Amino acid sequence: MTSPSSSSPTEVLFYHLEQQTLEKVLPSLVEKTLERGWRAVIQSGSQERLAVIDQALWTYKDDSFLAHGSAKDGFAAEQPVYLTTTGETPNGAGVRFLVDGAEAEAFTGFIRIVYLFDGNDTDAVKIARAQWTAAKGAGCPVTYWQQSASGKWERKA
């Protein structure tokens, strides 16, 4: 697995969810992350949402699943995908996914930080805007992705 580079600024991506739910979109993004040889941390704003994500990663496809775990499962350092509600990164992840109101404590130590937020939730949009400003202020390259009506992701900024 590839470790984060300390010399490059962290790339920060924002995914504005409108056409599909988090449980539909997140597994495919995590799958692409693992295909690149990176580990991931998924940080949620609530334990309840984390339980839903846990289930989605096991069941998102009929013929496969995404191996993952959390503190309750043990072996945190060995998990390719680690689920948490805190800023911990025990598996040396290169990518941090932030969902359901979770916010980055810092914009360093990762290859990528990925925000997924519900465009129909005014609080989520407000948090995303604040995090966008913070990431830009930290000197990170920042991109904004929005889903078209057909379901394709389009870079908007």
Protein backbone atom coordinates (compact mmCIF):
# COMPACT_ATOMS: atom_id res chain seq x y z
CA MET A 1 0.00 0.00 0.00
CA THR A 2 1.20 3.51 -0.82
CA SER A 3 1.84 5.89 2.06
CA PRO A 4 1.01 9.58 1.96
CA SER A 5 3.76 11.86 0.70
CA SER A 6 4.75 14.57 3.13
CA SER A 7 6.25 16.77 0.37
CA SER A 8 3.11 17.25 -1.73
CA PRO A 9 0.15 19.32 -0.62
CA THR A 10 -2.98 17.33 0.15
CA GLU A 11 -5.51 17.35 -2.68
CA VAL A 12 -9.01 18.15 -1.37
CA LEU A 13 -12.06 17.01 -3.33
CA PHE A 14 -15.67 17.97 -2.67
CA TYR A 15 -18.48 15.72 -3.94
CA HIS A 16 -21.88 17.43 -3.95
CA LEU A 17 -24.49 14.67 -3.64
CA GLU A 18 -27.86 15.37 -5.23
CA GLN A 19 -28.74 12.43 -7.49
CA GLN A 20 -27.58 9.51 -5.32
CA THR A 21 -27.19 8.77 -1.63
CA LEU A 22 -23.91 8.62 0.25
CA GLU A 23 -24.34 4.84 0.65
CA LYS A 24 -24.51 4.50 -3.13
CA VAL A 25 -21.58 6.81 -3.99
CA LEU A 26 -19.07 6.19 -1.20
CA PRO A 27 -18.34 2.49 -1.89
CA SER A 28 -17.35 3.18 -5.51
CA LEU A 29 -14.98 5.98 -4.44
CA VAL A 30 -13.45 3.76 -1.76
CA GLU A 31 -13.07 0.97 -4.29
CA LYS A 32 -11.14 3.31 -6.64
CA THR A 33 -8.97 4.41 -3.73
CA LEU A 34 -8.01 0.80 -2.92
CA GLU A 35 -7.36 0.07 -6.62
CA ARG A 36 -4.70 2.81 -6.51
CA GLY A 37 -2.97 1.01 -3.64
CA TRP A 38 -4.05 3.54 -1.03
CA ARG A 39 -5.68 2.83 2.32
CA ALA A 40 -8.66 4.87 3.46
CA VAL A 41 -10.24 6.28 6.60
CA ILE A 42 -13.93 7.12 6.58
CA GLN A 43 -14.79 9.65 9.25
CA SER A 44 -18.45 10.27 10.00
CA GLY A 45 -20.11 12.90 12.13
CA SER A 46 -22.15 10.27 13.97
CA GLN A 47 -21.93 6.68 15.14
CA GLU A 48 -25.38 5.96 13.64
CA ARG A 49 -24.27 7.01 10.16
CA LEU A 50 -21.07 5.01 10.55
CA ALA A 51 -23.17 1.88 11.19
CA VAL A 52 -25.08 2.51 7.95
CA ILE A 53 -21.79 2.98 6.05
CA ASP A 54 -20.42 -0.21 7.60
CA GLN A 55 -23.39 -2.14 6.23
CA ALA A 56 -23.16 -0.44 2.82
CA LEU A 57 -19.50 -1.43 2.40
CA TRP A 58 -20.39 -5.08 3.02
CA THR A 59 -23.42 -5.14 0.72
CA TYR A 60 -22.96 -2.53 -2.04
CA LYS A 61 -22.47 -5.22 -4.71
CA ASP A 62 -24.03 -8.65 -4.95
CA ASP A 63 -20.72 -10.28 -5.88
CA SER A 64 -18.21 -8.44 -3.69
CA PHE A 65 -17.60 -6.28 -0.62
CA LEU A 66 -15.03 -3.81 0.68
CA ALA A 67 -13.00 -5.16 3.58
CA HIS A 68 -13.00 -2.69 6.45
CA GLY A 69 -13.16 -2.37 10.19
CA SER A 70 -13.32 -0.06 13.17
CA ALA A 71 -11.99 0.06 16.73
CA LYS A 72 -14.56 -2.54 17.84
CA ASP A 73 -13.20 -5.01 15.27
CA GLY A 74 -9.57 -4.73 16.36
CA PHE A 75 -6.50 -4.94 14.11
CA ALA A 76 -6.88 -1.23 13.26
CA ALA A 77 -3.42 -0.93 11.70
CA GLU A 78 -4.21 -3.76 9.28
CA GLN A 79 -7.56 -2.46 8.01
CA PRO A 80 -7.50 -1.30 4.36
CA VAL A 81 -10.50 0.90 5.23
CA TYR A 82 -10.95 2.17 8.77
CA LEU A 83 -14.25 3.61 10.04
CA THR A 84 -14.25 6.26 12.78
CA THR A 85 -15.98 9.30 14.21
CA THR A 86 -12.65 10.87 15.28
CA GLY A 87 -9.52 12.20 13.59
CA GLU A 88 -7.56 8.99 14.19
CA THR A 89 -5.75 7.26 11.32
CA PRO A 90 -4.40 3.99 12.76
CA ASN A 91 -4.06 2.27 9.37
CA GLY A 92 -1.73 4.85 7.79
CA ALA A 93 -4.39 5.82 5.24
CA GLY A 94 -3.52 8.03 2.30
CA VAL A 95 -7.13 9.13 1.82
CA ARG A 96 -9.60 10.48 4.39
CA PHE A 97 -13.28 10.54 3.49
CA LEU A 98 -15.33 13.02 5.53
CA VAL A 99 -19.09 12.52 5.65
CA ASP A 100 -22.14 13.53 7.64
CA GLY A 101 -20.70 16.72 9.12
CA ALA A 102 -17.20 15.43 9.86
CA GLU A 103 -14.51 18.08 9.39
CA ALA A 104 -10.77 17.89 8.77
CA GLU A 105 -8.64 18.78 11.77
CA ALA A 106 -5.72 19.52 9.44
CA PHE A 107 -5.03 19.37 5.71
CA THR A 108 -1.75 17.49 5.97
CA GLY A 109 -0.67 13.87 6.19
CA PHE A 110 -2.87 12.59 3.34
CA ILE A 111 -2.68 12.24 -0.40
CA ARG A 112 -6.36 13.24 -0.57
CA ILE A 113 -9.15 14.42 1.64
CA VAL A 114 -12.59 13.80 0.16
CA TYR A 115 -15.75 15.53 1.39
CA LEU A 116 -19.08 14.04 0.44
CA PHE A 117 -22.02 16.24 1.34
CA ASP A 118 -25.75 16.25 0.75
CA GLY A 119 -26.63 19.22 -1.46
CA ASN A 120 -30.17 19.21 -0.05
CA ASP A 121 -28.94 19.74 3.53
CA THR A 122 -28.24 23.43 4.21
CA ASP A 123 -26.05 22.63 7.24
CA ALA A 124 -23.94 20.19 5.18
CA VAL A 125 -23.51 22.79 2.42
CA LYS A 126 -22.48 25.40 5.00
CA ILE A 127 -19.85 23.05 6.49
CA ALA A 128 -18.55 22.18 3.01
CA ARG A 129 -18.17 25.86 2.13
CA ALA A 130 -16.24 26.52 5.35
CA GLN A 131 -14.00 23.52 4.71
CA TRP A 132 -13.43 24.68 1.10
CA THR A 133 -12.26 28.05 2.41
CA ALA A 134 -10.03 26.39 5.02
CA ALA A 135 -8.48 24.01 2.46
CA LYS A 136 -7.78 26.86 0.03
CA GLY A 137 -6.29 28.87 2.90
CA ALA A 138 -4.01 25.94 3.72
CA GLY A 139 -2.69 25.99 0.14
CA CYS A 140 -4.31 22.75 -0.94
CA PRO A 141 -5.39 22.12 -4.53
CA VAL A 142 -9.19 21.95 -4.30
CA THR A 143 -11.78 20.58 -6.75
CA TYR A 144 -15.57 20.52 -6.68
CA TRP A 145 -17.58 17.72 -8.30
CA GLN A 146 -21.31 17.66 -8.93
CA GLN A 147 -23.38 14.81 -10.29
CA SER A 148 -25.35 15.35 -13.48
CA ALA A 149 -28.92 14.13 -13.91
CA SER A 150 -27.50 11.08 -15.73
CA GLY A 151 -25.33 10.24 -12.72
CA LYS A 152 -21.96 11.25 -14.21
CA TRP A 153 -19.57 13.28 -12.05
CA GLU A 154 -18.67 16.66 -13.57
CA ARG A 155 -15.90 18.92 -12.33
CA LYS A 156 -17.40 22.34 -11.64
CA ALA A 157 -14.42 24.07 -10.01
